[in-house]
Amino acid sequence: LTGTVHALPAGPFRVDSAGGAFQLGRKGKITFRILCKPDAPEQQFEKLYIESSDPRNPVTIINLSTTGFLKRL
């Protein structure tokens, strides 16, 4: 199985490790971390796309969300 963990656009989320292209053997697995640093007070959403050579599941979409920070005066 081959595939790609796509980068996220500029914003509060980023792929920290094992992003990009990957290749897995039989019973293989991939682990990656998504880091989040809210940059606005409102709720923010993004979609992470993972493409693979699996004809039954060529694209996996993971929905990400965060509620931003409260700025104290």
PDB file of N, CA and C in Angstrom:
ATOM      1  N   LEU A   1       0.853  -1.164   0.000  1.00  0.00           N
ATOM      2  CA  LEU A   1       0.000   0.000   0.000  1.00  0.00           C
ATOM      3  C   LEU A   1       0.901   1.228   0.000  1.00  0.00           C
ATOM      4  N   THR A   2       0.631   2.125  -0.882  1.00  0.00           N
ATOM      5  CA  THR A   2       1.347   3.403  -0.913  1.00  0.00           C
ATOM      6  C   THR A   2       0.338   4.524  -0.758  1.00  0.00           C
ATOM      7  N   GLY A   3       0.814   5.676  -0.348  1.00  0.00           N
ATOM      8  CA  GLY A   3      -0.102   6.793  -0.188  1.00  0.00           C
ATOM      9  C   GLY A   3       0.592   8.066   0.221  1.00  0.00           C
ATOM     10  N   THR A   4      -0.226   9.069   0.524  1.00  0.00           N
ATOM     11  CA  THR A   4       0.275  10.376   0.910  1.00  0.00           C
ATOM     12  C   THR A   4      -0.604  10.969   1.993  1.00  0.00           C
ATOM     13  N   VAL A   5       0.023  11.457   3.066  1.00  0.00           N
ATOM     14  CA  VAL A   5      -0.659  12.262   4.073  1.00  0.00           C
ATOM     15  C   VAL A   5      -0.409  13.705   3.636  1.00  0.00           C
ATOM     16  N   HIS A   6      -1.471  14.383   3.218  1.00  0.00           N
ATOM     17  CA  HIS A   6      -1.315  15.731   2.663  1.00  0.00           C
ATOM     18  C   HIS A   6      -1.061  16.768   3.750  1.00  0.00           C
ATOM     19  N   ALA A   7      -0.269  17.765   3.404  1.00  0.00           N
ATOM     20  CA  ALA A   7      -0.007  18.878   4.317  1.00  0.00           C
ATOM     21  C   ALA A   7      -1.292  19.673   4.508  1.00  0.00           C
ATOM     22  N   LEU A   8      -1.390  20.336   5.631  1.00  0.00           N
ATOM     23  CA  LEU A   8      -2.541  21.178   5.920  1.00  0.00           C
ATOM     24  C   LEU A   8      -2.229  22.618   5.540  1.00  0.00           C
ATOM     25  N   PRO A   9      -3.241  23.394   5.111  1.00  0.00           N
ATOM     26  CA  PRO A   9      -2.987  24.800   4.794  1.00  0.00           C
ATOM     27  C   PRO A   9      -2.609  25.578   6.046  1.00  0.00           C
ATOM     28  N   ALA A  10      -2.131  26.777   5.869  1.00  0.00           N
ATOM     29  CA  ALA A  10      -1.775  27.613   7.018  1.00  0.00           C
ATOM     30  C   ALA A  10      -2.976  27.750   7.939  1.00  0.00           C
ATOM     31  N   GLY A  11      -2.744  27.650   9.208  1.00  0.00           N
ATOM     32  CA  GLY A  11      -3.825  27.728  10.186  1.00  0.00           C
ATOM     33  C   GLY A  11      -3.395  27.076  11.477  1.00  0.00           C
ATOM     34  N   PRO A  12      -4.346  26.693  12.303  1.00  0.00           N
ATOM     35  CA  PRO A  12      -3.986  26.195  13.623  1.00  0.00           C
ATOM     36  C   PRO A  12      -3.469  24.755  13.634  1.00  0.00           C
ATOM     37  N   PHE A  13      -3.677  23.995  12.561  1.00  0.00           N
ATOM     38  CA  PHE A  13      -3.283  22.585  12.539  1.00  0.00           C
ATOM     39  C   PHE A  13      -2.073  22.372  11.646  1.00  0.00           C
ATOM     40  N   ARG A  14      -1.232  21.423  12.033  1.00  0.00           N
ATOM     41  CA  ARG A  14      -0.149  20.999  11.137  1.00  0.00           C
ATOM     42  C   ARG A  14       0.199  19.549  11.417  1.00  0.00           C
ATOM     43  N   VAL A  15       0.642  18.860  10.373  1.00  0.00           N
ATOM     44  CA  VAL A  15       1.095  17.477  10.499  1.00  0.00           C
ATOM     45  C   VAL A  15       2.519  17.533  11.017  1.00  0.00           C
ATOM     46  N   ASP A  16       2.768  16.919  12.187  1.00  0.00           N
ATOM     47  CA  ASP A  16       4.075  17.021  12.836  1.00  0.00           C
ATOM     48  C   ASP A  16       5.038  15.923  12.402  1.00  0.00           C
ATOM     49  N   SER A  17       4.565  14.701  12.280  1.00  0.00           N
ATOM     50  CA  SER A  17       5.496  13.613  11.988  1.00  0.00           C
ATOM     51  C   SER A  17       4.886  12.633  11.008  1.00  0.00           C
ATOM     52  N   ALA A  18       5.717  12.037  10.211  1.00  0.00           N
ATOM     53  CA  ALA A  18       5.345  11.008   9.242  1.00  0.00           C
ATOM     54  C   ALA A  18       4.360  11.498   8.187  1.00  0.00           C
ATOM     55  N   GLY A  19       4.320  12.800   7.944  1.00  0.00           N
ATOM     56  CA  GLY A  19       3.489  13.307   6.866  1.00  0.00           C
ATOM     57  C   GLY A  19       4.173  13.050   5.529  1.00  0.00           C
ATOM     58  N   GLY A  20       3.474  13.270   4.463  1.00  0.00           N
ATOM     59  CA  GLY A  20       4.034  13.071   3.129  1.00  0.00           C
ATOM     60  C   GLY A  20       3.775  11.663   2.629  1.00  0.00           C
ATOM     61  N   ALA A  21       4.619  11.218   1.723  1.00  0.00           N
ATOM     62  CA  ALA A  21       4.440   9.910   1.097  1.00  0.00           C
ATOM     63  C   ALA A  21       4.780   8.788   2.077  1.00  0.00           C
ATOM     64  N   PHE A  22       4.083   7.660   1.922  1.00  0.00           N
ATOM     65  CA  PHE A  22       4.382   6.485   2.740  1.00  0.00           C
ATOM     66  C   PHE A  22       4.184   5.213   1.934  1.00  0.00           C
ATOM     67  N   GLN A  23       4.815   4.154   2.415  1.00  0.00           N
ATOM     68  CA  GLN A  23       4.677   2.832   1.818  1.00  0.00           C
ATOM     69  C   GLN A  23       4.585   1.841   2.965  1.00  0.00           C
ATOM     70  N   LEU A  24       3.565   0.992   2.929  1.00  0.00           N
ATOM     71  CA  LEU A  24       3.359   0.021   3.998  1.00  0.00           C
ATOM     72  C   LEU A  24       3.393  -1.394   3.450  1.00  0.00           C
ATOM     73  N   GLY A  25       4.015  -2.273   4.212  1.00  0.00           N
ATOM     74  CA  GLY A  25       3.990  -3.685   3.889  1.00  0.00           C
ATOM     75  C   GLY A  25       2.729  -4.319   4.452  1.00  0.00           C
ATOM     76  N   ARG A  26       2.612  -5.601   4.303  1.00  0.00           N
ATOM     77  CA  ARG A  26       1.458  -6.324   4.827  1.00  0.00           C
ATOM     78  C   ARG A  26       1.366  -6.136   6.338  1.00  0.00           C
ATOM     79  N   LYS A  27       0.205  -5.817   6.842  1.00  0.00           N
ATOM     80  CA  LYS A  27      -0.060  -5.541   8.255  1.00  0.00           C
ATOM     81  C   LYS A  27       0.742  -4.358   8.780  1.00  0.00           C
ATOM     82  N   GLY A  28       1.194  -3.505   7.894  1.00  0.00           N
ATOM     83  CA  GLY A  28       1.944  -2.319   8.301  1.00  0.00           C
ATOM     84  C   GLY A  28       1.007  -1.256   8.850  1.00  0.00           C
ATOM     85  N   LYS A  29       1.597  -0.273   9.496  1.00  0.00           N
ATOM     86  CA  LYS A  29       0.814   0.845  10.002  1.00  0.00           C
ATOM     87  C   LYS A  29       1.656   2.106   9.935  1.00  0.00           C
ATOM     88  N   ILE A  30       0.967   3.227   9.950  1.00  0.00           N
ATOM     89  CA  ILE A  30       1.641   4.517   9.949  1.00  0.00           C
ATOM     90  C   ILE A  30       1.065   5.320  11.115  1.00  0.00           C
ATOM     91  N   THR A  31       1.929   6.041  11.784  1.00  0.00           N
ATOM     92  CA  THR A  31       1.505   6.896  12.887  1.00  0.00           C
ATOM     93  C   THR A  31       1.968   8.310  12.580  1.00  0.00           C
ATOM     94  N   PHE A  32       1.073   9.267  12.751  1.00  0.00           N
ATOM     95  CA  PHE A  32       1.459  10.658  12.591  1.00  0.00           C
ATOM     96  C   PHE A  32       0.709  11.478  13.618  1.00  0.00           C
ATOM     97  N   ARG A  33       1.272  12.637  13.938  1.00  0.00           N
ATOM     98  CA  ARG A  33       0.649  13.533  14.923  1.00  0.00           C
ATOM     99  C   ARG A  33       0.169  14.795  14.237  1.00  0.00           C
ATOM    100  N   ILE A  34      -0.967  15.275  14.727  1.00  0.00           N
ATOM    101  CA  ILE A  34      -1.481  16.561  14.289  1.00  0.00           C
ATOM    102  C   ILE A  34      -1.322  17.521  15.466  1.00  0.00           C
ATOM    103  N   LEU A  35      -0.606  18.607  15.254  1.00  0.00           N
ATOM    104  CA  LEU A  35      -0.448  19.618  16.290  1.00  0.00           C
ATOM    105  C   LEU A  35      -1.455  20.729  16.043  1.00  0.00           C
ATOM    106  N   CYS A  36      -1.924  21.327  17.113  1.00  0.00           N
ATOM    107  CA  CYS A  36      -2.909  22.391  17.005  1.00  0.00           C
ATOM    108  C   CYS A  36      -2.497  23.547  17.900  1.00  0.00           C
ATOM    109  N   LYS A  37      -2.430  24.715  17.306  1.00  0.00           N
ATOM    110  CA  LYS A  37      -2.162  25.947  18.049  1.00  0.00           C
ATOM    111  C   LYS A  37      -3.219  26.951  17.600  1.00  0.00           C
ATOM    112  N   PRO A  38      -4.316  27.064  18.358  1.00  0.00           N
ATOM    113  CA  PRO A  38      -5.388  27.965  17.944  1.00  0.00           C
ATOM    114  C   PRO A  38      -4.862  29.375  17.707  1.00  0.00           C
ATOM    115  N   ASP A  39      -5.278  29.970  16.588  1.00  0.00           N
ATOM    116  CA  ASP A  39      -4.816  31.320  16.261  1.00  0.00           C
ATOM    117  C   ASP A  39      -5.964  32.314  16.154  1.00  0.00           C
ATOM    118  N   ALA A  40      -7.148  31.906  16.626  1.00  0.00           N
ATOM    119  CA  ALA A  40      -8.316  32.791  16.622  1.00  0.00           C
ATOM    120  C   ALA A  40      -9.261  32.334  17.727  1.00  0.00           C
ATOM    121  N   PRO A  41     -10.087  33.225  18.240  1.00  0.00           N
ATOM    122  CA  PRO A  41     -10.963  32.862  19.350  1.00  0.00           C
ATOM    123  C   PRO A  41     -12.148  31.984  18.962  1.00  0.00           C
ATOM    124  N   GLU A  42     -12.518  31.964  17.702  1.00  0.00           N
ATOM    125  CA  GLU A  42     -13.675  31.166  17.306  1.00  0.00           C
ATOM    126  C   GLU A  42     -13.275  29.725  16.988  1.00  0.00           C
ATOM    127  N   GLN A  43     -14.289  28.886  16.817  1.00  0.00           N
ATOM    128  CA  GLN A  43     -14.043  27.490  16.473  1.00  0.00           C
ATOM    129  C   GLN A  43     -13.509  27.434  15.045  1.00  0.00           C
ATOM    130  N   GLN A  44     -12.513  26.575  14.823  1.00  0.00           N
ATOM    131  CA  GLN A  44     -11.901  26.444  13.508  1.00  0.00           C
ATOM    132  C   GLN A  44     -11.968  24.986  13.061  1.00  0.00           C
ATOM    133  N   PHE A  45     -12.109  24.808  11.754  1.00  0.00           N
ATOM    134  CA  PHE A  45     -12.242  23.474  11.184  1.00  0.00           C
ATOM    135  C   PHE A  45     -11.258  23.304  10.040  1.00  0.00           C
ATOM    136  N   GLU A  46     -10.844  22.073   9.818  1.00  0.00           N
ATOM    137  CA  GLU A  46      -9.995  21.725   8.677  1.00  0.00           C
ATOM    138  C   GLU A  46     -10.219  20.258   8.370  1.00  0.00           C
ATOM    139  N   LYS A  47      -9.865  19.854   7.169  1.00  0.00           N
ATOM    140  CA  LYS A  47      -9.943  18.455   6.763  1.00  0.00           C
ATOM    141  C   LYS A  47      -8.543  17.986   6.392  1.00  0.00           C
ATOM    142  N   LEU A  48      -8.161  16.822   6.914  1.00  0.00           N
ATOM    143  CA  LEU A  48      -6.890  16.196   6.566  1.00  0.00           C
ATOM    144  C   LEU A  48      -7.196  15.099   5.556  1.00  0.00           C
ATOM    145  N   TYR A  49      -6.514  15.137   4.412  1.00  0.00           N
ATOM    146  CA  TYR A  49      -6.730  14.157   3.354  1.00  0.00           C
ATOM    147  C   TYR A  49      -5.564  13.173   3.316  1.00  0.00           C
ATOM    148  N   ILE A  50      -5.917  11.890   3.276  1.00  0.00           N
ATOM    149  CA  ILE A  50      -4.921  10.831   3.136  1.00  0.00           C
ATOM    150  C   ILE A  50      -5.319  10.018   1.914  1.00  0.00           C
ATOM    151  N   GLU A  51      -4.466  10.007   0.912  1.00  0.00           N
ATOM    152  CA  GLU A  51      -4.721   9.234  -0.303  1.00  0.00           C
ATOM    153  C   GLU A  51      -3.939   7.932  -0.223  1.00  0.00           C
ATOM    154  N   SER A  52      -4.503   6.857  -0.796  1.00  0.00           N
ATOM    155  CA  SER A  52      -3.789   5.584  -0.805  1.00  0.00           C
ATOM    156  C   SER A  52      -4.075   4.828  -2.096  1.00  0.00           C
ATOM    157  N   SER A  53      -3.293   3.786  -2.317  1.00  0.00           N
ATOM    158  CA  SER A  53      -3.455   2.949  -3.505  1.00  0.00           C
ATOM    159  C   SER A  53      -4.533   1.880  -3.308  1.00  0.00           C
ATOM    160  N   ASP A  54      -5.224   1.891  -2.181  1.00  0.00           N
ATOM    161  CA  ASP A  54      -6.302   0.937  -1.914  1.00  0.00           C
ATOM    162  C   ASP A  54      -7.501   1.293  -2.803  1.00  0.00           C
ATOM    163  N   PRO A  55      -7.857   0.440  -3.763  1.00  0.00           N
ATOM    164  CA  PRO A  55      -8.950   0.784  -4.664  1.00  0.00           C
ATOM    165  C   PRO A  55     -10.306   0.875  -3.961  1.00  0.00           C
ATOM    166  N   ARG A  56     -10.468   0.225  -2.819  1.00  0.00           N
ATOM    167  CA  ARG A  56     -11.730   0.284  -2.080  1.00  0.00           C
ATOM    168  C   ARG A  56     -11.831   1.531  -1.209  1.00  0.00           C
ATOM    169  N   ASN A  57     -10.707   2.148  -0.889  1.00  0.00           N
ATOM    170  CA  ASN A  57     -10.694   3.316  -0.007  1.00  0.00           C
ATOM    171  C   ASN A  57      -9.550   4.246  -0.429  1.00  0.00           C
ATOM    172  N   PRO A  58      -9.662   4.872  -1.620  1.00  0.00           N
ATOM    173  CA  PRO A  58      -8.535   5.665  -2.124  1.00  0.00           C
ATOM    174  C   PRO A  58      -8.287   6.978  -1.383  1.00  0.00           C
ATOM    175  N   VAL A  59      -9.318   7.513  -0.702  1.00  0.00           N
ATOM    176  CA  VAL A  59      -9.154   8.769   0.043  1.00  0.00           C
ATOM    177  C   VAL A  59      -9.827   8.628   1.404  1.00  0.00           C
ATOM    178  N   THR A  60      -9.083   8.975   2.449  1.00  0.00           N
ATOM    179  CA  THR A  60      -9.635   9.047   3.803  1.00  0.00           C
ATOM    180  C   THR A  60      -9.599  10.508   4.216  1.00  0.00           C
ATOM    181  N   ILE A  61     -10.710  10.993   4.751  1.00  0.00           N
ATOM    182  CA  ILE A  61     -10.799  12.380   5.203  1.00  0.00           C
ATOM    183  C   ILE A  61     -11.008  12.374   6.716  1.00  0.00           C
ATOM    184  N   ILE A  62     -10.147  13.092   7.421  1.00  0.00           N
ATOM    185  CA  ILE A  62     -10.268  13.220   8.873  1.00  0.00           C
ATOM    186  C   ILE A  62     -10.651  14.663   9.175  1.00  0.00           C
ATOM    187  N   ASN A  63     -11.791  14.842   9.835  1.00  0.00           N
ATOM    188  CA  ASN A  63     -12.259  16.177  10.200  1.00  0.00           C
ATOM    189  C   ASN A  63     -11.590  16.626  11.492  1.00  0.00           C
ATOM    190  N   LEU A  64     -10.995  17.807  11.470  1.00  0.00           N
ATOM    191  CA  LEU A  64     -10.319  18.380  12.636  1.00  0.00           C
ATOM    192  C   LEU A  64     -11.079  19.630  13.075  1.00  0.00           C
ATOM    193  N   SER A  65     -11.138  19.857  14.366  1.00  0.00           N
ATOM    194  CA  SER A  65     -11.738  21.098  14.857  1.00  0.00           C
ATOM    195  C   SER A  65     -11.076  21.500  16.163  1.00  0.00           C
ATOM    196  N   THR A  66     -11.114  22.789  16.442  1.00  0.00           N
ATOM    197  CA  THR A  66     -10.593  23.318  17.695  1.00  0.00           C
ATOM    198  C   THR A  66     -11.410  24.546  18.076  1.00  0.00           C
ATOM    199  N   THR A  67     -11.548  24.747  19.350  1.00  0.00           N
ATOM    200  CA  THR A  67     -12.153  25.975  19.845  1.00  0.00           C
ATOM    201  C   THR A  67     -11.013  26.859  20.313  1.00  0.00           C
ATOM    202  N   GLY A  68     -10.951  28.059  19.790  1.00  0.00           N
ATOM    203  CA  GLY A  68      -9.830  28.954  20.020  1.00  0.00           C
ATOM    204  C   GLY A  68      -9.663  29.391  21.471  1.00  0.00           C
ATOM    205  N   PHE A  69      -8.706  30.202  21.650  1.00  0.00           N
ATOM    206  CA  PHE A  69      -8.307  30.686  22.960  1.00  0.00           C
ATOM    207  C   PHE A  69      -9.203  31.841  23.415  1.00  0.00           C
ATOM    208  N   LEU A  70      -9.215  32.091  24.685  1.00  0.00           N
ATOM    209  CA  LEU A  70      -9.878  33.267  25.247  1.00  0.00           C
ATOM    210  C   LEU A  70      -8.786  34.248  25.640  1.00  0.00           C
ATOM    211  N   LYS A  71      -8.866  35.419  25.143  1.00  0.00           N
ATOM    212  CA  LYS A  71      -7.859  36.439  25.445  1.00  0.00           C
ATOM    213  C   LYS A  71      -8.291  37.179  26.691  1.00  0.00           C
ATOM    214  N   ARG A  72      -7.489  37.129  27.724  1.00  0.00           N
ATOM    215  CA  ARG A  72      -7.797  37.819  28.987  1.00  0.00           C
ATOM    216  C   ARG A  72      -7.108  39.171  28.999  1.00  0.00           C
ATOM    217  N   LEU A  73      -7.839  40.166  29.445  1.00  0.00           N
ATOM    218  CA  LEU A  73      -7.274  41.521  29.518  1.00  0.00           C
ATOM    219  C   LEU A  73      -6.794  41.822  30.910  1.00  0.00           C
TER     220      LEU A  73
END
